[in-house]
C-alpha atoms as a PDB file:
ATOM      1  CA  MET A   1     104.707 130.271  87.238  1.00  0.00           C
ATOM      2  CA  ILE A   2     106.196 126.829  86.615  1.00  0.00           C
ATOM      3  CA  VAL A   3     105.774 125.399  83.119  1.00  0.00           C
ATOM      4  CA  LEU A   4     107.078 121.984  82.085  1.00  0.00           C
ATOM      5  CA  LYS A   5     106.696 120.885  78.476  1.00  0.00           C
ATOM      6  CA  ASP A   6     107.419 117.329  77.302  1.00  0.00           C
ATOM      7  CA  ILE A   7     109.946 116.728  80.072  1.00  0.00           C
ATOM      8  CA  LYS A   8     111.903 113.507  79.709  1.00  0.00           C
ATOM      9  CA  LYS A   9     114.614 112.144  81.972  1.00  0.00           C
ATOM     10  CA  THR A  10     116.862 109.241  81.117  1.00  0.00           C
ATOM     11  CA  TYR A  11     119.642 107.830  83.269  1.00  0.00           C
ATOM     12  CA  TYR A  12     122.496 106.054  81.528  1.00  0.00           C
ATOM     13  CA  GLY A  13     124.506 103.269  83.132  1.00  0.00           C
ATOM     14  CA  LYS A  14     126.782 100.573  81.832  1.00  0.00           C
ATOM     15  CA  ASN A  15     124.784  99.062  78.975  1.00  0.00           C
ATOM     16  CA  ILE A  16     121.622 100.266  80.738  1.00  0.00           C
ATOM     17  CA  GLU A  17     119.239 103.071  79.777  1.00  0.00           C
ATOM     18  CA  THR A  18     116.497 103.919  82.269  1.00  0.00           C
ATOM     19  CA  ASN A  19     113.674 106.195  81.150  1.00  0.00           C
ATOM     20  CA  VAL A  20     112.317 107.716  84.360  1.00  0.00           C
ATOM     21  CA  LEU A  21     110.169 110.544  82.934  1.00  0.00           C
ATOM     22  CA  LYS A  22     108.510 109.982  79.588  1.00  0.00           C
ATOM     23  CA  GLY A  23     107.089 113.292  78.463  1.00  0.00           C
ATOM     24  CA  VAL A  24     105.613 115.293  81.344  1.00  0.00           C
ATOM     25  CA  ASP A  25     103.520 118.412  80.709  1.00  0.00           C
ATOM     26  CA  LEU A  26     102.664 120.438  83.797  1.00  0.00           C
ATOM     27  CA  MET A  27     101.750 123.999  84.714  1.00  0.00           C
ATOM     28  CA  ILE A  28     101.730 125.247  88.317  1.00  0.00           C
ATOM     29  CA  HIS A  29     100.435 128.693  89.183  1.00  0.00           C
ATOM     30  CA  PRO A  30     101.657 130.851  92.073  1.00  0.00           C
ATOM     31  CA  GLY A  31      99.884 130.056  95.346  1.00  0.00           C
ATOM     32  CA  GLU A  32      98.937 126.475  94.514  1.00  0.00           C
ATOM     33  CA  PHE A  33      99.515 123.520  96.827  1.00  0.00           C
ATOM     34  CA  VAL A  34     100.185 120.714  94.381  1.00  0.00           C
ATOM     35  CA  CYS A  35     100.645 117.138  95.566  1.00  0.00           C
ATOM     36  CA  ILE A  36     102.385 114.738  93.217  1.00  0.00           C
ATOM     37  CA  TYR A  37     101.092 111.310  94.138  1.00  0.00           C
ATOM     38  CA  GLY A  38     102.426 107.962  92.962  1.00  0.00           C
ATOM     39  CA  SER A  39     104.020 104.716  93.974  1.00  0.00           C
ATOM     40  CA  SER A  40     107.732 104.152  94.525  1.00  0.00           C
ATOM     41  CA  GLY A  41     109.590 104.348  91.222  1.00  0.00           C
ATOM     42  CA  SER A  42     106.885 106.328  89.437  1.00  0.00           C
ATOM     43  CA  GLY A  43     109.225 109.266  88.758  1.00  0.00           C
ATOM     44  CA  LYS A  44     107.703 111.737  91.221  1.00  0.00           C
ATOM     45  CA  SER A  45     110.943 112.574  93.089  1.00  0.00           C
ATOM     46  CA  THR A  46     112.842 112.948  89.819  1.00  0.00           C
ATOM     47  CA  LEU A  47     110.184 115.385  88.643  1.00  0.00           C
ATOM     48  CA  LEU A  48     110.470 117.351  91.894  1.00  0.00           C
ATOM     49  CA  ASN A  49     114.257 117.508  91.574  1.00  0.00           C
ATOM     50  CA  ILE A  50     113.952 118.931  88.063  1.00  0.00           C
ATOM     51  CA  VAL A  51     111.482 121.576  89.268  1.00  0.00           C
ATOM     52  CA  GLY A  52     113.931 122.439  92.066  1.00  0.00           C
ATOM     53  CA  VAL A  53     116.856 122.717  89.646  1.00  0.00           C
ATOM     54  CA  LEU A  54     118.639 119.914  91.502  1.00  0.00           C
ATOM     55  CA  ASP A  55     118.565 117.796  88.354  1.00  0.00           C
ATOM     56  CA  TYR A  56     118.204 118.461  84.652  1.00  0.00           C
ATOM     57  CA  ALA A  57     115.768 117.143  82.073  1.00  0.00           C
ATOM     58  CA  THR A  58     117.248 115.068  79.274  1.00  0.00           C
ATOM     59  CA  GLU A  59     114.680 116.562  76.900  1.00  0.00           C
ATOM     60  CA  GLY A  60     111.930 119.137  77.105  1.00  0.00           C
ATOM     61  CA  GLU A  61     111.502 122.716  78.240  1.00  0.00           C
ATOM     62  CA  TYR A  62     111.256 124.059  81.799  1.00  0.00           C
ATOM     63  CA  THR A  63     110.488 127.710  82.404  1.00  0.00           C
ATOM     64  CA  LEU A  64     110.252 129.381  85.804  1.00  0.00           C
ATOM     65  CA  ASP A  65     108.682 132.836  85.919  1.00  0.00           C
ATOM     66  CA  GLY A  66     109.162 133.029  82.153  1.00  0.00           C
ATOM     67  CA  ILE A  67     112.870 132.166  82.265  1.00  0.00           C
ATOM     68  CA  SER A  68     114.150 129.073  80.449  1.00  0.00           C
ATOM     69  CA  ILE A  69     116.165 127.034  82.937  1.00  0.00           C
ATOM     70  CA  LYS A  70     118.328 125.267  80.359  1.00  0.00           C
ATOM     71  CA  ASN A  71     119.823 128.608  79.275  1.00  0.00           C
ATOM     72  CA  LEU A  72     121.167 129.453  82.738  1.00  0.00           C
ATOM     73  CA  ASN A  73     124.707 128.903  83.982  1.00  0.00           C
ATOM     74  CA  ASP A  74     125.537 127.148  87.264  1.00  0.00           C
ATOM     75  CA  LYS A  75     125.869 130.401  89.205  1.00  0.00           C
ATOM     76  CA  LYS A  76     122.415 131.588  88.142  1.00  0.00           C
ATOM     77  CA  MET A  77     120.944 128.159  88.928  1.00  0.00           C
ATOM     78  CA  ALA A  78     122.395 128.287  92.442  1.00  0.00           C
ATOM     79  CA  GLU A  79     120.980 131.785  92.918  1.00  0.00           C
ATOM     80  CA  ILE A  80     117.495 130.598  91.919  1.00  0.00           C
ATOM     81  CA  ARG A  81     117.719 127.662  94.351  1.00  0.00           C
ATOM     82  CA  ASN A  82     118.776 129.964  97.171  1.00  0.00           C
ATOM     83  CA  ARG A  83     116.356 132.836  96.606  1.00  0.00           C
ATOM     84  CA  LYS A  84     113.270 131.341  94.987  1.00  0.00           C
ATOM     85  CA  ILE A  85     113.048 127.731  96.216  1.00  0.00           C
ATOM     86  CA  GLY A  86     113.069 126.045  99.613  1.00  0.00           C
ATOM     87  CA  PHE A  87     113.560 122.291 100.061  1.00  0.00           C
ATOM     88  CA  VAL A  88     112.225 119.864 102.661  1.00  0.00           C
ATOM     89  CA  PHE A  89     113.348 116.232 102.546  1.00  0.00           C
ATOM     90  CA  GLN A  90     112.213 113.017 104.192  1.00  0.00           C
ATOM     91  CA  ALA A  91     115.584 112.566 105.923  1.00  0.00           C
ATOM     92  CA  TYR A  92     115.764 116.204 107.201  1.00  0.00           C
ATOM     93  CA  HIS A  93     119.404 116.694 106.045  1.00  0.00           C
ATOM     94  CA  LEU A  94     120.313 118.898 108.989  1.00  0.00           C
ATOM     95  CA  VAL A  95     123.987 119.597 109.659  1.00  0.00           C
ATOM     96  CA  GLN A  96     124.775 117.477 112.707  1.00  0.00           C
ATOM     97  CA  GLU A  97     127.685 119.674 113.813  1.00  0.00           C
ATOM     98  CA  MET A  98     125.494 122.807 113.891  1.00  0.00           C
ATOM     99  CA  ASN A  99     122.965 123.755 116.531  1.00  0.00           C
ATOM    100  CA  VAL A 100     119.341 124.478 115.667  1.00  0.00           C
ATOM    101  CA  LEU A 101     119.809 128.233 115.289  1.00  0.00           C
ATOM    102  CA  ASP A 102     122.753 127.841 112.901  1.00  0.00           C
ATOM    103  CA  ASN A 103     120.978 125.137 110.873  1.00  0.00           C
ATOM    104  CA  ILE A 104     118.027 127.433 110.237  1.00  0.00           C
ATOM    105  CA  ALA A 105     120.355 130.262 109.189  1.00  0.00           C
ATOM    106  CA  VAL A 106     122.350 128.279 106.592  1.00  0.00           C
ATOM    107  CA  PRO A 107     120.517 129.606 103.471  1.00  0.00           C
ATOM    108  CA  LEU A 108     120.758 133.148 104.804  1.00  0.00           C
ATOM    109  CA  GLY A 109     124.541 132.878 104.915  1.00  0.00           C
ATOM    110  CA  TYR A 110     124.610 131.822 101.260  1.00  0.00           C
ATOM    111  CA  ALA A 111     122.389 134.808 100.484  1.00  0.00           C
ATOM    112  CA  GLY A 112     124.956 137.160 102.051  1.00  0.00           C
ATOM    113  CA  MET A 113     122.947 138.245 105.092  1.00  0.00           C
ATOM    114  CA  SER A 114     124.896 139.512 108.095  1.00  0.00           C
ATOM    115  CA  LYS A 115     125.297 137.236 111.118  1.00  0.00           C
ATOM    116  CA  LYS A 116     123.195 139.573 113.252  1.00  0.00           C
ATOM    117  CA  ASN A 117     120.307 139.489 110.781  1.00  0.00           C
ATOM    118  CA  ARG A 118     120.655 135.726 110.246  1.00  0.00           C
ATOM    119  CA  THR A 119     120.366 135.140 113.970  1.00  0.00           C
ATOM    120  CA  ALA A 120     117.374 137.464 114.253  1.00  0.00           C
ATOM    121  CA  ARG A 121     115.537 135.732 111.402  1.00  0.00           C
ATOM    122  CA  ALA A 122     116.241 132.263 112.796  1.00  0.00           C
ATOM    123  CA  GLN A 123     115.012 133.350 116.224  1.00  0.00           C
ATOM    124  CA  GLU A 124     111.880 134.829 114.665  1.00  0.00           C
ATOM    125  CA  LEU A 125     111.088 131.471 113.051  1.00  0.00           C
ATOM    126  CA  LEU A 126     111.707 129.544 116.268  1.00  0.00           C
ATOM    127  CA  ASP A 127     109.228 131.817 118.022  1.00  0.00           C
ATOM    128  CA  GLU A 128     106.699 131.416 115.191  1.00  0.00           C
ATOM    129  CA  PHE A 129     107.009 127.608 115.287  1.00  0.00           C
ATOM    130  CA  HIS A 130     106.730 127.526 119.100  1.00  0.00           C
ATOM    131  CA  MET A 131     110.231 126.062 119.475  1.00  0.00           C
ATOM    132  CA  LYS A 132     111.848 128.817 121.498  1.00  0.00           C
ATOM    133  CA  GLY A 133     114.431 127.396 123.882  1.00  0.00           C
ATOM    134  CA  LEU A 134     115.865 124.833 121.444  1.00  0.00           C
ATOM    135  CA  GLU A 135     118.330 127.260 119.837  1.00  0.00           C
ATOM    136  CA  LYS A 136     121.463 125.592 121.202  1.00  0.00           C
ATOM    137  CA  LYS A 137     120.277 121.996 120.803  1.00  0.00           C
ATOM    138  CA  TYR A 138     121.858 119.783 118.147  1.00  0.00           C
ATOM    139  CA  PRO A 139     119.888 117.616 115.701  1.00  0.00           C
ATOM    140  CA  ALA A 140     120.731 114.401 117.555  1.00  0.00           C
ATOM    141  CA  GLN A 141     119.052 115.861 120.653  1.00  0.00           C
ATOM    142  CA  LEU A 142     115.747 116.437 118.840  1.00  0.00           C
ATOM    143  CA  SER A 143     112.836 114.159 118.025  1.00  0.00           C
ATOM    144  CA  GLY A 144     112.014 113.382 114.398  1.00  0.00           C
ATOM    145  CA  GLY A 145     109.129 115.840 114.434  1.00  0.00           C
ATOM    146  CA  GLU A 146     111.332 118.582 115.864  1.00  0.00           C
ATOM    147  CA  GLN A 147     114.029 117.913 113.261  1.00  0.00           C
ATOM    148  CA  GLN A 148     111.529 118.172 110.440  1.00  0.00           C
ATOM    149  CA  ARG A 149     110.164 121.442 111.790  1.00  0.00           C
ATOM    150  CA  VAL A 150     113.728 122.782 111.917  1.00  0.00           C
ATOM    151  CA  SER A 151     114.236 121.689 108.315  1.00  0.00           C
ATOM    152  CA  ILE A 152     111.048 123.526 107.302  1.00  0.00           C
ATOM    153  CA  MET A 153     112.248 126.652 109.110  1.00  0.00           C
ATOM    154  CA  ARG A 154     115.558 126.393 107.270  1.00  0.00           C
ATOM    155  CA  ALA A 155     113.705 125.959 103.961  1.00  0.00           C
ATOM    156  CA  ILE A 156     111.611 129.111 104.440  1.00  0.00           C
ATOM    157  CA  SER A 157     114.212 131.248 106.224  1.00  0.00           C
ATOM    158  CA  ASN A 158     115.009 133.132 103.019  1.00  0.00           C
ATOM    159  CA  ARG A 159     111.298 133.651 102.277  1.00  0.00           C
ATOM    160  CA  PRO A 160     111.247 131.625  99.027  1.00  0.00           C
ATOM    161  CA  GLN A 161     108.335 131.801  96.598  1.00  0.00           C
ATOM    162  CA  ILE A 162     108.242 128.007  96.230  1.00  0.00           C
ATOM    163  CA  LEU A 163     108.589 125.224  98.781  1.00  0.00           C
ATOM    164  CA  LEU A 164     109.344 121.712  97.528  1.00  0.00           C
ATOM    165  CA  ALA A 165     108.691 118.823  99.912  1.00  0.00           C
ATOM    166  CA  ASP A 166     109.806 115.270  99.105  1.00  0.00           C
ATOM    167  CA  GLU A 167     107.941 112.784 101.345  1.00  0.00           C
ATOM    168  CA  PRO A 168     108.215 115.251 104.282  1.00  0.00           C
ATOM    169  CA  THR A 169     106.358 112.931 106.682  1.00  0.00           C
ATOM    170  CA  GLY A 170     108.008 109.689 105.583  1.00  0.00           C
ATOM    171  CA  ASN A 171     109.960 109.242 108.831  1.00  0.00           C
ATOM    172  CA  LEU A 172     107.278 110.559 111.200  1.00  0.00           C
ATOM    173  CA  ASP A 173     104.451 109.087 113.249  1.00  0.00           C
ATOM    174  CA  SER A 174     100.841 110.084 112.585  1.00  0.00           C
ATOM    175  CA  ASP A 175     100.731 112.973 115.092  1.00  0.00           C
ATOM    176  CA  ASN A 176     103.922 114.571 113.793  1.00  0.00           C
ATOM    177  CA  SER A 177     102.834 113.930 110.201  1.00  0.00           C
ATOM    178  CA  ARG A 178      99.631 115.848 110.823  1.00  0.00           C
ATOM    179  CA  MET A 179     101.583 118.684 112.453  1.00  0.00           C
ATOM    180  CA  VAL A 180     103.902 118.977 109.450  1.00  0.00           C
ATOM    181  CA  MET A 181     100.981 118.949 107.003  1.00  0.00           C
ATOM    182  CA  GLU A 182      99.207 121.652 109.003  1.00  0.00           C
ATOM    183  CA  ILE A 183     102.367 123.780 108.819  1.00  0.00           C
ATOM    184  CA  LEU A 184     102.545 123.320 105.044  1.00  0.00           C
ATOM    185  CA  SER A 185      98.862 124.203 104.720  1.00  0.00           C
ATOM    186  CA  ARG A 186      99.380 127.368 106.749  1.00  0.00           C
ATOM    187  CA  LEU A 187     102.358 128.422 104.632  1.00  0.00           C
ATOM    188  CA  ASN A 188     100.291 127.877 101.498  1.00  0.00           C
ATOM    189  CA  LYS A 189      97.422 129.967 102.863  1.00  0.00           C
ATOM    190  CA  GLU A 190      99.958 132.716 103.517  1.00  0.00           C
ATOM    191  CA  GLY A 191     100.792 132.715  99.800  1.00  0.00           C
ATOM    192  CA  MET A 192     103.639 130.249  99.334  1.00  0.00           C
ATOM    193  CA  THR A 193     103.517 127.865  96.382  1.00  0.00           C
ATOM    194  CA  ILE A 194     104.019 124.322  97.631  1.00  0.00           C
ATOM    195  CA  ILE A 195     104.779 121.192  95.626  1.00  0.00           C
ATOM    196  CA  MET A 196     104.844 117.989  97.634  1.00  0.00           C
ATOM    197  CA  VAL A 197     105.675 114.432  96.612  1.00  0.00           C
ATOM    198  CA  THR A 198     103.951 111.621  98.482  1.00  0.00           C
ATOM    199  CA  HIS A 199     102.843 108.006  98.134  1.00  0.00           C
ATOM    200  CA  ASP A 200     100.152 108.544 100.800  1.00  0.00           C
ATOM    201  CA  LEU A 201      96.822 109.613  99.306  1.00  0.00           C
ATOM    202  CA  SER A 202      95.505 110.811 102.694  1.00  0.00           C
ATOM    203  CA  LEU A 203      98.346 113.364 102.784  1.00  0.00           C
ATOM    204  CA  ALA A 204      97.943 114.311  99.136  1.00  0.00           C
ATOM    205  CA  LYS A 205      94.428 115.489  99.952  1.00  0.00           C
ATOM    206  CA  TYR A 206      95.896 118.408 101.912  1.00  0.00           C
ATOM    207  CA  GLY A 207      96.775 119.950  98.561  1.00  0.00           C
ATOM    208  CA  THR A 208      94.622 122.157  96.375  1.00  0.00           C
ATOM    209  CA  ARG A 209      95.417 119.861  93.431  1.00  0.00           C
ATOM    210  CA  ILE A 210      96.561 116.257  93.162  1.00  0.00           C
ATOM    211  CA  ILE A 211      98.635 115.037  90.229  1.00  0.00           C
ATOM    212  CA  TYR A 212      98.807 111.287  89.705  1.00  0.00           C
ATOM    213  CA  ILE A 213     102.014 110.017  88.143  1.00  0.00           C
ATOM    214  CA  LYS A 214     102.643 106.455  86.995  1.00  0.00           C
ATOM    215  CA  ASP A 215     105.594 104.961  85.119  1.00  0.00           C
ATOM    216  CA  GLY A 216     107.022 108.388  84.330  1.00  0.00           C
ATOM    217  CA  LYS A 217     103.825 109.907  82.956  1.00  0.00           C
ATOM    218  CA  ILE A 218     101.090 112.042  84.444  1.00  0.00           C
ATOM    219  CA  GLU A 219      97.935 109.948  84.464  1.00  0.00           C
ATOM    220  CA  GLU A 220      95.437 112.534  85.647  1.00  0.00           C
ATOM    221  CA  HIS A 221      94.808 115.702  87.665  1.00  0.00           C
ATOM    222  CA  GLU A 222      92.285 116.057  90.459  1.00  0.00           C
END
């Protein structure tokens, strides 16, 4: 379970103080598909980064499965990111020098899995996603939709409990956007908790719950 209490995030620059999150309270139960919906600059990506332990709250309390995040050291934080949470980004963030198979297997290497087992798991996902035959292709040889599917495979390769998606269809056309959303829906129905950030209300409706955020505060739940 994810519990956020009075989360605030402030960025400090030269003579500038920017309050991005202004006291967010949120609880997400296992198995939910939560869409965080808001305009650009509303604080939704910052909130997602805090949930994913990629960023830290300036104030407030964040507990994940009953564990207070602020009490953990960097090593434990990295372990949580690798074992509990998968990430999907708008820009894919694939390693250009690696082929598809090796890109998918990256988190498994960090988790200490043998090369044989990493390869087997990556191949299993390629078969599941109907992308068999692209193992040796490089990201630059793939379409945007194919790259995003590879990034989703990479994100779930270690079988995380939670998948975080930040504008996962932002660089895709309507057909590929629908394909990605159908994949996320399927993963959720299989039991994975999904939290997605979007500025597109039609995509937010794929979720089991929509959270509206505006100017760093949650306005309402649907």
